[in-house]
Amino acid sequence: MPRSLTILFTFLSLSAFAQSDDCTCFAGIGSREEDTPLLTVGLDNGVILAVCGFEQKGLSEEEIMVSEFDVFNCATGASLAQYGIARTCMLKNEKGGLTISELRFLPVGEKWEWKQVVVGNQRIYAKGDQVQVAPKTPAYEPTEMDTARTGPYLKEMRGLKGTGKLYPGSIEEILGRLEVMALNNVKEATDMLYDFEHYFQVELSGAIRDQWMDAVETVKWATGN
């Protein structure tokens, strides 16, 4: 490598390191000015990103799970991406940029075990001297669900239609299973989910209503239906 290029590369690397060391948060979703970032990411053009919010789990120095967070340009304080309190995401410093994977906690296992599932991805990266924020794209991959599993459950739900007899402790599970089936293009489950209150003659409120609205929003966005 020519000496001039080596010097330039070293200078940019040292500059990025110094900037990431000095980087602090700004006022935003889940963050206050002067908070210490949960994660800093150096882009290929020397811009430093600061991730500020509530950390749920640190997986490595380059990967964390967070909720209610902002991604800032360290130099300008500009907010580049925001995710609210109802969103949990995996953030990873990779390939010279930041990958944001949005998660949903859903009963996807064979016995309806609840697990974190990636439903969307977003990428922030450098393009020349600019910072590019790609649109969030659906990432959930539908699979054909076994009718031996879904059939009896949907039959049980049909039996509850119009009764108003959904107990508070069961609604979260019902919403989760209907969301999983709807994400996998089971039309009857989609119809039940979208028309939940009228179908079952119940009125949702508080956190359960938020779960239902998030489920409907996620299915419509991920499937286009």
Protein backbone atom coordinates (compact mmCIF):
# COMPACT_ATOMS: atom_id res chain seq x y z
CA MET A 1 0.00 0.00 0.00
CA PRO A 2 1.43 3.46 -0.89
CA ARG A 3 2.72 5.39 2.13
CA SER A 4 0.23 8.25 1.59
CA LEU A 5 -2.75 5.87 1.65
CA THR A 6 -1.42 4.16 4.78
CA ILE A 7 -1.13 7.51 6.57
CA LEU A 8 -4.65 8.52 5.46
CA PHE A 9 -6.17 5.21 6.60
CA THR A 10 -4.39 5.45 9.97
CA PHE A 11 -5.57 9.04 10.42
CA LEU A 12 -9.20 8.15 9.67
CA SER A 13 -9.09 5.16 12.01
CA LEU A 14 -7.64 7.21 14.87
CA SER A 15 -10.13 10.02 14.24
CA ALA A 16 -13.07 7.61 14.32
CA PHE A 17 -11.76 6.03 17.54
CA ALA A 18 -11.41 9.44 19.21
CA GLN A 19 -14.89 10.50 18.11
CA SER A 20 -16.48 7.27 19.41
CA ASP A 21 -14.69 7.82 22.73
CA ASP A 22 -16.14 11.36 23.00
CA CYS A 23 -19.61 10.43 21.79
CA THR A 24 -22.57 11.07 24.11
CA CYS A 25 -26.34 10.75 23.76
CA PHE A 26 -28.86 13.45 22.94
CA ALA A 27 -32.41 13.98 24.20
CA GLY A 28 -34.71 11.52 22.48
CA ILE A 29 -36.69 8.32 22.88
CA GLY A 30 -35.32 6.55 25.93
CA SER A 31 -32.32 8.87 26.27
CA ARG A 32 -31.16 12.14 27.81
CA GLU A 33 -28.36 14.50 26.86
CA GLU A 34 -24.95 13.36 28.04
CA ASP A 35 -26.04 9.74 28.65
CA THR A 36 -23.40 7.21 27.67
CA PRO A 37 -24.35 5.36 24.47
CA LEU A 38 -25.17 1.67 24.72
CA LEU A 39 -23.31 1.11 21.46
CA THR A 40 -21.24 3.24 19.09
CA VAL A 41 -20.81 2.32 15.45
CA GLY A 42 -18.18 3.75 13.12
CA LEU A 43 -19.30 3.97 9.49
CA ASP A 44 -16.89 3.60 6.58
CA ASN A 45 -16.87 7.37 5.97
CA GLY A 46 -15.86 8.23 9.55
CA VAL A 47 -19.34 9.15 10.84
CA ILE A 48 -20.02 7.74 14.32
CA LEU A 49 -23.48 6.52 15.33
CA ALA A 50 -24.66 6.46 18.95
CA VAL A 51 -27.35 4.02 20.10
CA CYS A 52 -29.14 5.36 23.19
CA GLY A 53 -32.03 3.79 25.08
CA PHE A 54 -32.83 0.86 27.36
CA GLU A 55 -30.59 -2.21 27.10
CA GLN A 56 -32.27 -5.55 27.72
CA LYS A 57 -29.30 -7.77 27.05
CA GLY A 58 -25.69 -7.30 25.98
CA LEU A 59 -24.67 -10.18 23.73
CA SER A 60 -21.19 -8.91 22.83
CA GLU A 61 -19.30 -5.65 22.36
CA GLU A 62 -20.83 -5.41 18.89
CA GLU A 63 -24.37 -6.72 19.49
CA ILE A 64 -27.09 -5.74 21.99
CA MET A 65 -30.82 -6.20 22.54
CA VAL A 66 -32.61 -2.92 23.29
CA SER A 67 -36.06 -1.35 23.53
CA GLU A 68 -37.25 2.27 23.31
CA PHE A 69 -34.17 3.75 21.65
CA ASP A 70 -32.78 6.39 19.32
CA VAL A 71 -29.87 6.20 16.87
CA PHE A 72 -28.03 9.54 16.63
CA ASN A 73 -25.32 11.00 14.42
CA CYS A 74 -22.67 11.64 17.07
CA ALA A 75 -21.38 14.83 15.46
CA THR A 76 -24.69 16.57 14.67
CA GLY A 77 -27.16 15.06 17.15
CA ALA A 78 -29.53 14.22 14.28
CA SER A 79 -31.87 11.32 15.04
CA LEU A 80 -31.55 8.70 12.30
CA ALA A 81 -33.90 5.99 13.61
CA GLN A 82 -36.34 5.70 16.51
CA TYR A 83 -38.15 2.70 17.99
CA GLY A 84 -40.77 3.16 20.73
CA ILE A 85 -41.43 1.39 24.01
CA ALA A 86 -43.37 -1.45 22.37
CA ARG A 87 -40.44 -2.38 20.13
CA THR A 88 -37.59 -4.72 21.04
CA CYS A 89 -34.68 -4.94 18.61
CA MET A 90 -31.34 -6.64 18.14
CA LEU A 91 -28.67 -4.14 17.07
CA LYS A 92 -25.42 -5.27 15.51
CA ASN A 93 -22.30 -3.41 14.40
CA GLU A 94 -21.39 -5.24 11.20
CA LYS A 95 -20.09 -4.67 7.67
CA GLY A 96 -19.25 -1.03 8.30
CA GLY A 97 -22.77 -0.10 9.44
CA LEU A 98 -25.58 -0.77 11.90
CA THR A 99 -28.14 -3.53 11.40
CA ILE A 100 -31.42 -3.21 13.35
CA SER A 101 -33.50 -6.38 13.58
CA GLU A 102 -36.99 -5.88 15.04
CA LEU A 103 -38.18 -8.74 17.25
CA ARG A 104 -41.59 -10.04 18.25
CA PHE A 105 -42.11 -12.41 21.20
CA LEU A 106 -44.40 -15.07 19.72
CA PRO A 107 -45.53 -18.67 20.39
CA VAL A 108 -43.83 -20.18 17.33
CA GLY A 109 -42.60 -23.50 18.72
CA GLU A 110 -44.23 -26.86 17.96
CA LYS A 111 -45.99 -26.70 21.31
CA TRP A 112 -46.62 -22.96 21.01
CA GLU A 113 -43.47 -22.10 23.01
CA TRP A 114 -42.82 -18.36 23.14
CA LYS A 115 -39.63 -17.21 21.41
CA GLN A 116 -38.10 -14.03 19.99
CA VAL A 117 -38.64 -13.89 16.22
CA VAL A 118 -37.17 -11.43 13.72
CA VAL A 119 -39.98 -9.70 11.81
CA GLY A 120 -38.14 -6.77 10.22
CA ASN A 121 -34.70 -5.40 9.36
CA GLN A 122 -33.27 -1.92 8.87
CA ARG A 123 -29.75 -0.85 7.94
CA ILE A 124 -27.83 2.40 8.49
CA TYR A 125 -24.63 2.72 6.46
CA ALA A 126 -22.32 5.11 4.63
CA LYS A 127 -22.65 6.06 0.99
CA GLY A 128 -19.83 8.40 0.04
CA ASP A 129 -19.84 11.16 2.65
CA GLN A 130 -23.56 10.68 3.36
CA VAL A 131 -25.38 8.52 5.93
CA GLN A 132 -28.03 6.29 4.37
CA VAL A 133 -31.00 5.06 6.43
CA ALA A 134 -32.63 2.21 4.52
CA PRO A 135 -36.40 1.67 4.93
CA LYS A 136 -37.42 -1.09 7.31
CA THR A 137 -38.20 -4.27 5.38
CA PRO A 138 -40.20 -7.36 6.43
CA ALA A 139 -38.02 -10.31 7.44
CA TYR A 140 -40.51 -12.93 8.66
CA GLU A 141 -40.47 -16.00 6.41
CA PRO A 142 -43.87 -17.76 6.35
CA THR A 143 -44.00 -21.55 6.61
CA GLU A 144 -46.85 -23.95 5.92
CA MET A 145 -48.42 -24.73 9.28
CA ASP A 146 -49.63 -28.25 10.04
CA THR A 147 -53.43 -28.36 9.97
CA ALA A 148 -53.30 -31.02 12.70
CA ARG A 149 -51.95 -28.23 14.88
CA THR A 150 -54.00 -25.26 13.68
CA GLY A 151 -57.31 -27.01 12.92
CA PRO A 152 -58.30 -28.01 16.48
CA TYR A 153 -57.27 -24.60 17.81
CA LEU A 154 -59.31 -22.68 15.24
CA LYS A 155 -62.28 -24.95 15.97
CA GLU A 156 -61.94 -24.06 19.66
CA MET A 157 -61.88 -20.36 18.76
CA ARG A 158 -65.01 -20.73 16.62
CA GLY A 159 -66.76 -22.14 19.67
CA LEU A 160 -65.98 -18.92 21.54
CA LYS A 161 -67.33 -16.63 18.81
CA GLY A 162 -69.71 -14.02 20.19
CA THR A 163 -69.68 -15.44 23.72
CA GLY A 164 -67.59 -12.76 25.44
CA LYS A 165 -66.07 -15.59 27.46
CA LEU A 166 -62.39 -14.87 27.10
CA TYR A 167 -60.66 -14.78 30.45
CA PRO A 168 -58.00 -12.05 30.91
CA GLY A 169 -55.22 -14.58 31.41
CA SER A 170 -56.02 -16.35 28.13
CA ILE A 171 -56.25 -13.37 25.78
CA GLU A 172 -52.49 -12.83 25.49
CA GLU A 173 -52.02 -16.47 24.43
CA ILE A 174 -54.91 -16.32 21.94
CA LEU A 175 -53.59 -13.12 20.36
CA GLY A 176 -50.10 -14.62 20.09
CA ARG A 177 -51.29 -17.80 18.39
CA LEU A 178 -53.57 -15.94 15.99
CA GLU A 179 -50.71 -13.59 15.09
CA VAL A 180 -48.38 -16.52 14.34
CA MET A 181 -51.00 -18.19 12.15
CA ALA A 182 -51.79 -14.91 10.40
CA LEU A 183 -48.08 -14.34 9.69
CA ASN A 184 -48.11 -17.79 8.09
CA ASN A 185 -51.06 -16.87 5.87
CA VAL A 186 -53.81 -18.80 7.68
CA LYS A 187 -56.72 -16.65 6.48
CA GLU A 188 -59.26 -17.67 9.13
CA ALA A 189 -56.80 -16.72 11.88
CA THR A 190 -56.13 -13.40 10.14
CA ASP A 191 -59.85 -12.61 10.02
CA MET A 192 -60.25 -13.49 13.72
CA LEU A 193 -57.26 -11.32 14.66
CA TYR A 194 -58.35 -8.25 12.70
CA ASP A 195 -61.94 -8.45 13.98
CA PHE A 196 -60.98 -9.68 17.46
CA GLU A 197 -63.23 -7.50 19.64
CA HIS A 198 -66.32 -7.93 17.48
CA TYR A 199 -65.69 -11.62 16.78
CA PHE A 200 -65.32 -12.61 20.43
CA GLN A 201 -67.51 -9.80 21.83
CA VAL A 202 -64.82 -8.50 24.18
CA GLU A 203 -63.45 -5.02 24.83
CA LEU A 204 -59.67 -4.82 25.09
CA SER A 205 -57.82 -2.21 27.12
CA GLY A 206 -54.37 -1.33 28.43
CA ALA A 207 -51.43 -3.57 27.59
CA ILE A 208 -53.65 -6.24 26.00
CA ARG A 209 -55.12 -3.71 23.59
CA ASP A 210 -51.59 -2.54 22.74
CA GLN A 211 -50.61 -6.17 22.05
CA TRP A 212 -53.59 -6.59 19.71
CA MET A 213 -52.89 -3.35 17.83
CA ASP A 214 -49.19 -4.25 17.48
CA ALA A 215 -50.15 -7.72 16.21
CA VAL A 216 -52.51 -6.31 13.57
CA GLU A 217 -49.94 -3.71 12.49
CA THR A 218 -47.17 -6.33 12.25
CA VAL A 219 -49.26 -8.80 10.22
CA LYS A 220 -50.50 -6.13 7.79
CA TRP A 221 -46.98 -4.81 7.27
CA ALA A 222 -45.28 -8.22 7.00
CA THR A 223 -47.84 -9.88 4.73
CA GLY A 224 -49.36 -6.93 2.87
CA ASN A 225 -52.86 -8.22 3.72
